[in-house]
């Protein structure tokens, strides 16, 4: 088993690896999430990932506003 200085060095090395892995992983998830939000509500500027969610949002949040033409043929 590792003792003393060797143990401390091993712990520091593993902590550094874990921090680098965590840092790199977070940025990828954020950029992927932003790329997935492709539909924007013209009334409130909220972004949605797909047309079905967009239509459900529009029907519930803006019932008095006219439906955008790109949502006319979407099934909710």
N, C-alpha and C. Protein backbone atom coordinates (compact mmCIF):
# COMPACT_ATOMS: atom_id res chain seq x y z
N UNK A 1 0.83 -1.19 0.00
CA UNK A 1 0.00 0.00 0.00
C UNK A 1 0.87 1.24 0.00
N UNK A 2 0.33 2.29 -0.56
CA UNK A 2 1.04 3.56 -0.59
C UNK A 2 0.89 4.26 0.76
N UNK A 3 2.01 4.81 1.22
CA UNK A 3 1.99 5.51 2.50
C UNK A 3 2.68 6.85 2.38
N UNK A 4 2.32 7.73 3.26
CA UNK A 4 3.03 9.01 3.38
C UNK A 4 2.96 9.86 2.12
N UNK A 5 4.14 10.27 1.63
CA UNK A 5 4.25 11.19 0.50
C UNK A 5 3.62 10.62 -0.77
N UNK A 6 3.82 9.36 -1.02
CA UNK A 6 3.26 8.73 -2.21
C UNK A 6 1.74 8.79 -2.21
N UNK A 7 1.14 8.59 -1.06
CA UNK A 7 -0.32 8.63 -0.93
C UNK A 7 -0.83 10.04 -1.21
N UNK A 8 -0.17 11.04 -0.67
CA UNK A 8 -0.58 12.44 -0.86
C UNK A 8 -0.48 12.81 -2.35
N UNK A 9 0.64 12.41 -2.99
CA UNK A 9 0.81 12.72 -4.41
C UNK A 9 -0.27 12.05 -5.25
N UNK A 10 -0.60 10.83 -4.92
CA UNK A 10 -1.64 10.11 -5.65
C UNK A 10 -3.00 10.78 -5.50
N UNK A 11 -3.33 11.22 -4.30
CA UNK A 11 -4.60 11.92 -4.07
C UNK A 11 -4.67 13.22 -4.84
N UNK A 12 -3.57 13.98 -4.86
CA UNK A 12 -3.54 15.25 -5.59
C UNK A 12 -3.70 15.02 -7.09
N UNK A 13 -3.02 13.99 -7.59
CA UNK A 13 -3.10 13.66 -9.01
C UNK A 13 -4.53 13.28 -9.40
N UNK A 14 -5.16 12.44 -8.59
CA UNK A 14 -6.53 12.03 -8.86
C UNK A 14 -7.51 13.18 -8.76
N UNK A 15 -7.31 14.09 -7.81
CA UNK A 15 -8.18 15.25 -7.67
C UNK A 15 -8.06 16.15 -8.89
N UNK A 16 -6.83 16.31 -9.39
CA UNK A 16 -6.60 17.15 -10.58
C UNK A 16 -7.29 16.54 -11.81
N UNK A 17 -7.18 15.23 -11.97
CA UNK A 17 -7.84 14.55 -13.09
C UNK A 17 -9.35 14.72 -13.03
N UNK A 18 -9.91 14.54 -11.83
CA UNK A 18 -11.36 14.66 -11.65
C UNK A 18 -11.84 16.08 -11.96
N UNK A 19 -11.07 17.08 -11.53
CA UNK A 19 -11.44 18.47 -11.78
C UNK A 19 -11.40 18.78 -13.28
N UNK A 20 -10.40 18.29 -13.98
CA UNK A 20 -10.32 18.53 -15.43
C UNK A 20 -11.47 17.84 -16.16
N UNK A 21 -11.80 16.65 -15.74
CA UNK A 21 -12.90 15.91 -16.37
C UNK A 21 -14.22 16.63 -16.15
N UNK A 22 -14.44 17.09 -14.93
CA UNK A 22 -15.68 17.79 -14.59
C UNK A 22 -15.78 19.10 -15.35
N UNK A 23 -14.69 19.83 -15.45
CA UNK A 23 -14.68 21.13 -16.13
C UNK A 23 -14.99 20.96 -17.61
N UNK A 24 -14.38 20.01 -18.25
CA UNK A 24 -14.60 19.78 -19.67
C UNK A 24 -16.00 19.28 -19.97
N UNK A 25 -16.54 18.50 -19.09
CA UNK A 25 -17.86 17.91 -19.30
C UNK A 25 -18.96 18.96 -19.20
N UNK A 26 -18.86 19.89 -18.27
CA UNK A 26 -19.89 20.90 -18.07
C UNK A 26 -20.08 21.80 -19.28
N UNK A 27 -19.01 22.20 -19.91
CA UNK A 27 -19.08 23.09 -21.06
C UNK A 27 -19.77 22.39 -22.22
N UNK A 28 -19.51 21.11 -22.41
CA UNK A 28 -20.14 20.38 -23.50
C UNK A 28 -21.65 20.29 -23.32
N UNK A 29 -22.09 20.07 -22.11
CA UNK A 29 -23.52 19.97 -21.86
C UNK A 29 -24.21 21.31 -22.07
N UNK A 30 -23.57 22.39 -21.67
CA UNK A 30 -24.18 23.71 -21.85
C UNK A 30 -24.31 24.06 -23.33
N UNK A 31 -23.28 23.81 -24.11
CA UNK A 31 -23.35 24.13 -25.53
C UNK A 31 -24.36 23.24 -26.23
N UNK A 32 -24.45 21.98 -25.83
CA UNK A 32 -25.43 21.08 -26.43
C UNK A 32 -26.85 21.52 -26.10
N UNK A 33 -27.07 21.96 -24.88
CA UNK A 33 -28.40 22.42 -24.47
C UNK A 33 -28.79 23.68 -25.24
N UNK A 34 -27.85 24.60 -25.43
CA UNK A 34 -28.15 25.81 -26.19
C UNK A 34 -28.44 25.49 -27.65
N UNK A 35 -27.72 24.55 -28.21
CA UNK A 35 -27.93 24.18 -29.61
C UNK A 35 -29.29 23.52 -29.81
N UNK A 36 -29.80 22.85 -28.78
CA UNK A 36 -31.08 22.16 -28.90
C UNK A 36 -32.26 23.12 -28.87
N UNK A 37 -32.09 24.32 -28.32
CA UNK A 37 -33.19 25.28 -28.23
C UNK A 37 -33.26 26.08 -29.53
N UNK A 38 -34.01 25.56 -30.49
CA UNK A 38 -34.03 26.17 -31.82
C UNK A 38 -35.28 26.99 -32.11
N UNK A 39 -36.36 26.78 -31.39
CA UNK A 39 -37.60 27.52 -31.64
C UNK A 39 -37.75 28.62 -30.60
N UNK A 40 -38.06 29.83 -31.06
CA UNK A 40 -38.21 30.98 -30.16
C UNK A 40 -39.62 31.54 -30.28
N UNK A 41 -40.25 31.73 -29.15
CA UNK A 41 -41.60 32.30 -29.12
C UNK A 41 -41.52 33.77 -29.51
N UNK A 42 -42.32 34.20 -30.48
CA UNK A 42 -42.27 35.60 -30.91
C UNK A 42 -42.86 36.58 -29.88
N UNK A 43 -43.67 36.08 -28.95
CA UNK A 43 -44.31 36.95 -27.96
C UNK A 43 -43.39 37.19 -26.77
N UNK A 44 -42.90 36.12 -26.15
CA UNK A 44 -42.11 36.26 -24.92
C UNK A 44 -40.63 35.91 -25.08
N UNK A 45 -40.22 35.52 -26.27
CA UNK A 45 -38.83 35.18 -26.59
C UNK A 45 -38.28 33.98 -25.80
N UNK A 46 -39.16 33.10 -25.34
CA UNK A 46 -38.73 31.88 -24.67
C UNK A 46 -38.29 30.88 -25.74
N UNK A 47 -37.22 30.14 -25.47
CA UNK A 47 -36.72 29.18 -26.43
C UNK A 47 -37.18 27.77 -26.06
N UNK A 48 -37.55 27.00 -27.09
CA UNK A 48 -38.03 25.64 -26.90
C UNK A 48 -37.30 24.68 -27.83
N UNK A 49 -37.18 23.41 -27.44
CA UNK A 49 -36.40 22.46 -28.24
C UNK A 49 -37.10 21.91 -29.47
N UNK A 50 -38.43 21.79 -29.44
CA UNK A 50 -39.12 21.19 -30.57
C UNK A 50 -40.46 21.88 -30.83
N UNK A 51 -41.02 21.69 -32.03
CA UNK A 51 -42.27 22.37 -32.38
C UNK A 51 -43.47 21.97 -31.53
N UNK A 52 -43.50 20.71 -31.07
CA UNK A 52 -44.63 20.26 -30.25
C UNK A 52 -44.66 21.03 -28.92
N UNK A 53 -43.52 21.16 -28.28
CA UNK A 53 -43.43 21.93 -27.03
C UNK A 53 -43.75 23.40 -27.30
N UNK A 54 -43.27 23.90 -28.42
CA UNK A 54 -43.52 25.29 -28.79
C UNK A 54 -45.02 25.54 -28.92
N UNK A 55 -45.73 24.64 -29.59
CA UNK A 55 -47.17 24.82 -29.77
C UNK A 55 -47.91 24.74 -28.44
N UNK A 56 -47.53 23.78 -27.59
CA UNK A 56 -48.16 23.67 -26.27
C UNK A 56 -47.93 24.94 -25.46
N UNK A 57 -46.72 25.46 -25.51
CA UNK A 57 -46.40 26.70 -24.81
C UNK A 57 -47.27 27.84 -25.32
N UNK A 58 -47.34 27.95 -26.65
CA UNK A 58 -48.08 29.06 -27.24
C UNK A 58 -49.56 29.00 -26.90
N UNK A 59 -50.14 27.79 -26.93
CA UNK A 59 -51.56 27.65 -26.62
C UNK A 59 -51.87 27.95 -25.16
N UNK A 60 -50.96 27.61 -24.26
CA UNK A 60 -51.24 27.82 -22.84
C UNK A 60 -50.86 29.22 -22.37
N UNK A 61 -49.79 29.79 -22.89
CA UNK A 61 -49.31 31.08 -22.40
C UNK A 61 -49.85 32.28 -23.17
N UNK A 62 -50.18 32.08 -24.45
CA UNK A 62 -50.64 33.19 -25.29
C UNK A 62 -51.90 32.82 -26.05
N UNK A 63 -52.99 32.50 -25.34
CA UNK A 63 -54.19 32.03 -26.04
C UNK A 63 -54.86 33.09 -26.91
N UNK A 64 -54.69 34.37 -26.58
CA UNK A 64 -55.34 35.43 -27.35
C UNK A 64 -54.53 35.87 -28.56
N UNK A 65 -53.26 35.54 -28.60
CA UNK A 65 -52.40 35.92 -29.73
C UNK A 65 -52.64 34.97 -30.90
N UNK A 66 -52.50 35.48 -32.13
CA UNK A 66 -52.67 34.59 -33.28
C UNK A 66 -51.52 33.58 -33.37
N UNK A 67 -51.87 32.37 -33.79
CA UNK A 67 -50.89 31.29 -33.89
C UNK A 67 -49.90 31.58 -35.02
N UNK A 68 -48.61 31.45 -34.77
CA UNK A 68 -47.62 31.64 -35.85
C UNK A 68 -47.83 30.61 -36.96
N UNK A 69 -47.55 30.97 -38.21
CA UNK A 69 -47.81 30.04 -39.33
C UNK A 69 -47.00 28.74 -39.26
N UNK A 70 -45.80 28.77 -38.65
CA UNK A 70 -45.01 27.54 -38.58
C UNK A 70 -45.59 26.51 -37.61
N UNK A 71 -46.57 26.93 -36.77
CA UNK A 71 -47.20 26.01 -35.83
C UNK A 71 -48.55 25.49 -36.30
N UNK A 72 -49.02 25.95 -37.43
CA UNK A 72 -50.35 25.59 -37.89
C UNK A 72 -50.50 24.09 -38.14
N UNK A 73 -49.48 23.44 -38.67
CA UNK A 73 -49.60 22.03 -39.03
C UNK A 73 -48.99 21.08 -37.99
N UNK A 74 -48.53 21.60 -36.85
CA UNK A 74 -47.93 20.77 -35.81
C UNK A 74 -49.02 20.15 -34.94
N UNK A 75 -48.90 18.85 -34.69
CA UNK A 75 -49.84 18.16 -33.81
C UNK A 75 -49.32 18.19 -32.38
N UNK A 76 -50.16 18.69 -31.47
CA UNK A 76 -49.72 18.78 -30.07
C UNK A 76 -50.21 17.62 -29.26
